[in-house]
Amino acid sequence: MAHAQLAAQLITRLRLKQLALLTALIERCDAGPWRELVAVIGNSGNAGSIALHARLGFEHVGVLRKVGYKHGQWVDTVLMQRSLGEDKAMIPQKQAI
């Protein structure tokens, strides 16, 4: 098997694992008391991470410009957000103490 072919297979497996892990995390959070998930992606050039989050329902909500320094250059940070469960958008009721 050629090195390029092996590398492609390993990258595919890694991407599938990333998808499975993030999907499982979203499911666990959805079952809990949380209302929103926020992704902070440390470089606006990280198209793979941005695409993965978008595929799982995260929406682009902002960019922090030039807040990181990596490999000799300033980088932006991308903010993405995903709402959990529709009923979690309701205003919480006061609880008796």
C-alpha atoms as a PDB file:
ATOM      1  CA  MET A   1       0.000   0.000   0.000  1.00  0.00           C
ATOM      2  CA  ALA A   2       1.375   3.408  -0.954  1.00  0.00           C
ATOM      3  CA  HIS A   3       2.124   5.960   1.741  1.00  0.00           C
ATOM      4  CA  ALA A   4      -0.386   8.423   0.286  1.00  0.00           C
ATOM      5  CA  GLN A   5      -3.122   5.800   0.297  1.00  0.00           C
ATOM      6  CA  LEU A   6      -2.353   4.847   3.895  1.00  0.00           C
ATOM      7  CA  ALA A   7      -2.312   8.497   4.931  1.00  0.00           C
ATOM      8  CA  ALA A   8      -5.700   9.055   3.271  1.00  0.00           C
ATOM      9  CA  GLN A   9      -7.173   6.077   5.130  1.00  0.00           C
ATOM     10  CA  LEU A  10      -5.792   7.301   8.458  1.00  0.00           C
ATOM     11  CA  ILE A  11      -7.172  10.798   7.874  1.00  0.00           C
ATOM     12  CA  THR A  12     -10.596   9.354   7.032  1.00  0.00           C
ATOM     13  CA  ARG A  13     -10.585   7.246  10.213  1.00  0.00           C
ATOM     14  CA  LEU A  14      -9.546  10.244  12.306  1.00  0.00           C
ATOM     15  CA  ARG A  15     -12.334  12.390  10.848  1.00  0.00           C
ATOM     16  CA  LEU A  16     -14.899   9.673  11.564  1.00  0.00           C
ATOM     17  CA  LYS A  17     -13.679   9.443  15.163  1.00  0.00           C
ATOM     18  CA  GLN A  18     -13.872  13.217  15.545  1.00  0.00           C
ATOM     19  CA  LEU A  19     -17.427  13.170  14.188  1.00  0.00           C
ATOM     20  CA  ALA A  20     -18.407  10.337  16.554  1.00  0.00           C
ATOM     21  CA  LEU A  21     -16.850  12.037  19.597  1.00  0.00           C
ATOM     22  CA  LEU A  22     -18.456  15.417  18.947  1.00  0.00           C
ATOM     23  CA  THR A  23     -21.816  13.770  18.194  1.00  0.00           C
ATOM     24  CA  ALA A  24     -21.650  11.853  21.489  1.00  0.00           C
ATOM     25  CA  LEU A  25     -20.740  15.038  23.377  1.00  0.00           C
ATOM     26  CA  ILE A  26     -23.696  16.894  21.846  1.00  0.00           C
ATOM     27  CA  GLU A  27     -26.062  14.049  22.773  1.00  0.00           C
ATOM     28  CA  ARG A  28     -24.828  14.013  26.387  1.00  0.00           C
ATOM     29  CA  CYS A  29     -25.156  17.780  26.671  1.00  0.00           C
ATOM     30  CA  ASP A  30     -28.624  17.668  25.130  1.00  0.00           C
ATOM     31  CA  ALA A  31     -29.677  15.187  27.833  1.00  0.00           C
ATOM     32  CA  GLY A  32     -28.342  17.481  30.568  1.00  0.00           C
ATOM     33  CA  PRO A  33     -29.393  20.892  31.868  1.00  0.00           C
ATOM     34  CA  TRP A  34     -27.423  22.925  29.324  1.00  0.00           C
ATOM     35  CA  ARG A  35     -29.064  25.164  26.733  1.00  0.00           C
ATOM     36  CA  GLU A  36     -26.234  26.171  24.412  1.00  0.00           C
ATOM     37  CA  LEU A  37     -22.918  24.833  23.172  1.00  0.00           C
ATOM     38  CA  VAL A  38     -20.189  27.257  22.126  1.00  0.00           C
ATOM     39  CA  ALA A  39     -17.253  26.248  19.946  1.00  0.00           C
ATOM     40  CA  VAL A  40     -14.116  28.378  20.098  1.00  0.00           C
ATOM     41  CA  ILE A  41     -12.019  27.457  17.075  1.00  0.00           C
ATOM     42  CA  GLY A  42      -8.503  28.765  17.471  1.00  0.00           C
ATOM     43  CA  ASN A  43      -7.750  29.658  13.867  1.00  0.00           C
ATOM     44  CA  SER A  44     -10.116  30.916  11.185  1.00  0.00           C
ATOM     45  CA  GLY A  45      -8.049  28.945   8.683  1.00  0.00           C
ATOM     46  CA  ASN A  46      -9.092  25.645  10.290  1.00  0.00           C
ATOM     47  CA  ALA A  47     -11.657  24.831   7.610  1.00  0.00           C
ATOM     48  CA  GLY A  48     -11.956  21.197   8.723  1.00  0.00           C
ATOM     49  CA  SER A  49     -13.042  22.079  12.257  1.00  0.00           C
ATOM     50  CA  ILE A  50     -15.396  24.802  11.053  1.00  0.00           C
ATOM     51  CA  ALA A  51     -16.994  22.371   8.570  1.00  0.00           C
ATOM     52  CA  LEU A  52     -17.312  19.632  11.215  1.00  0.00           C
ATOM     53  CA  HIS A  53     -19.076  21.970  13.625  1.00  0.00           C
ATOM     54  CA  ALA A  54     -21.359  23.323  10.877  1.00  0.00           C
ATOM     55  CA  ARG A  55     -22.248  19.751   9.863  1.00  0.00           C
ATOM     56  CA  LEU A  56     -23.401  19.121  13.437  1.00  0.00           C
ATOM     57  CA  GLY A  57     -25.627  22.189  13.619  1.00  0.00           C
ATOM     58  CA  PHE A  58     -23.293  24.869  14.932  1.00  0.00           C
ATOM     59  CA  GLU A  59     -23.818  28.333  13.462  1.00  0.00           C
ATOM     60  CA  HIS A  60     -21.133  30.949  12.920  1.00  0.00           C
ATOM     61  CA  VAL A  61     -21.724  33.753  15.446  1.00  0.00           C
ATOM     62  CA  GLY A  62     -18.534  35.752  15.370  1.00  0.00           C
ATOM     63  CA  VAL A  63     -14.812  36.178  14.917  1.00  0.00           C
ATOM     64  CA  LEU A  64     -12.269  37.547  17.350  1.00  0.00           C
ATOM     65  CA  ARG A  65      -9.683  39.213  15.121  1.00  0.00           C
ATOM     66  CA  LYS A  66      -5.958  38.642  15.668  1.00  0.00           C
ATOM     67  CA  VAL A  67      -6.266  37.322  19.237  1.00  0.00           C
ATOM     68  CA  GLY A  68      -3.795  34.462  18.852  1.00  0.00           C
ATOM     69  CA  TYR A  69      -0.226  34.193  17.657  1.00  0.00           C
ATOM     70  CA  LYS A  70       0.836  30.980  15.938  1.00  0.00           C
ATOM     71  CA  HIS A  71       3.759  30.112  13.683  1.00  0.00           C
ATOM     72  CA  GLY A  72       4.860  33.730  13.406  1.00  0.00           C
ATOM     73  CA  GLN A  73       1.506  35.222  12.517  1.00  0.00           C
ATOM     74  CA  TRP A  74      -1.587  36.586  14.197  1.00  0.00           C
ATOM     75  CA  VAL A  75      -4.660  34.369  13.859  1.00  0.00           C
ATOM     76  CA  ASP A  76      -8.373  34.909  14.343  1.00  0.00           C
ATOM     77  CA  THR A  77     -10.631  32.825  16.576  1.00  0.00           C
ATOM     78  CA  VAL A  78     -13.983  31.666  15.215  1.00  0.00           C
ATOM     79  CA  LEU A  79     -17.016  31.440  17.495  1.00  0.00           C
ATOM     80  CA  MET A  80     -19.805  28.994  16.657  1.00  0.00           C
ATOM     81  CA  GLN A  81     -22.924  28.182  18.671  1.00  0.00           C
ATOM     82  CA  ARG A  82     -25.497  25.383  18.749  1.00  0.00           C
ATOM     83  CA  SER A  83     -28.762  25.383  20.685  1.00  0.00           C
ATOM     84  CA  LEU A  84     -29.804  22.266  22.557  1.00  0.00           C
ATOM     85  CA  GLY A  85     -33.370  20.921  22.971  1.00  0.00           C
ATOM     86  CA  GLU A  86     -36.249  23.210  22.012  1.00  0.00           C
ATOM     87  CA  ASP A  87     -37.843  23.128  25.469  1.00  0.00           C
ATOM     88  CA  LYS A  88     -34.642  24.517  26.972  1.00  0.00           C
ATOM     89  CA  ALA A  89     -35.344  27.898  25.378  1.00  0.00           C
ATOM     90  CA  MET A  90     -38.149  28.478  27.892  1.00  0.00           C
ATOM     91  CA  ILE A  91     -37.564  30.935  30.707  1.00  0.00           C
ATOM     92  CA  PRO A  92     -36.683  29.080  33.926  1.00  0.00           C
ATOM     93  CA  GLN A  93     -39.303  29.165  36.650  1.00  0.00           C
ATOM     94  CA  LYS A  94     -38.405  30.332  40.158  1.00  0.00           C
ATOM     95  CA  GLN A  95     -37.957  27.467  42.526  1.00  0.00           C
ATOM     96  CA  ALA A  96     -39.244  27.626  46.067  1.00  0.00           C
ATOM     97  CA  ILE A  97     -36.481  27.523  48.651  1.00  0.00           C
END
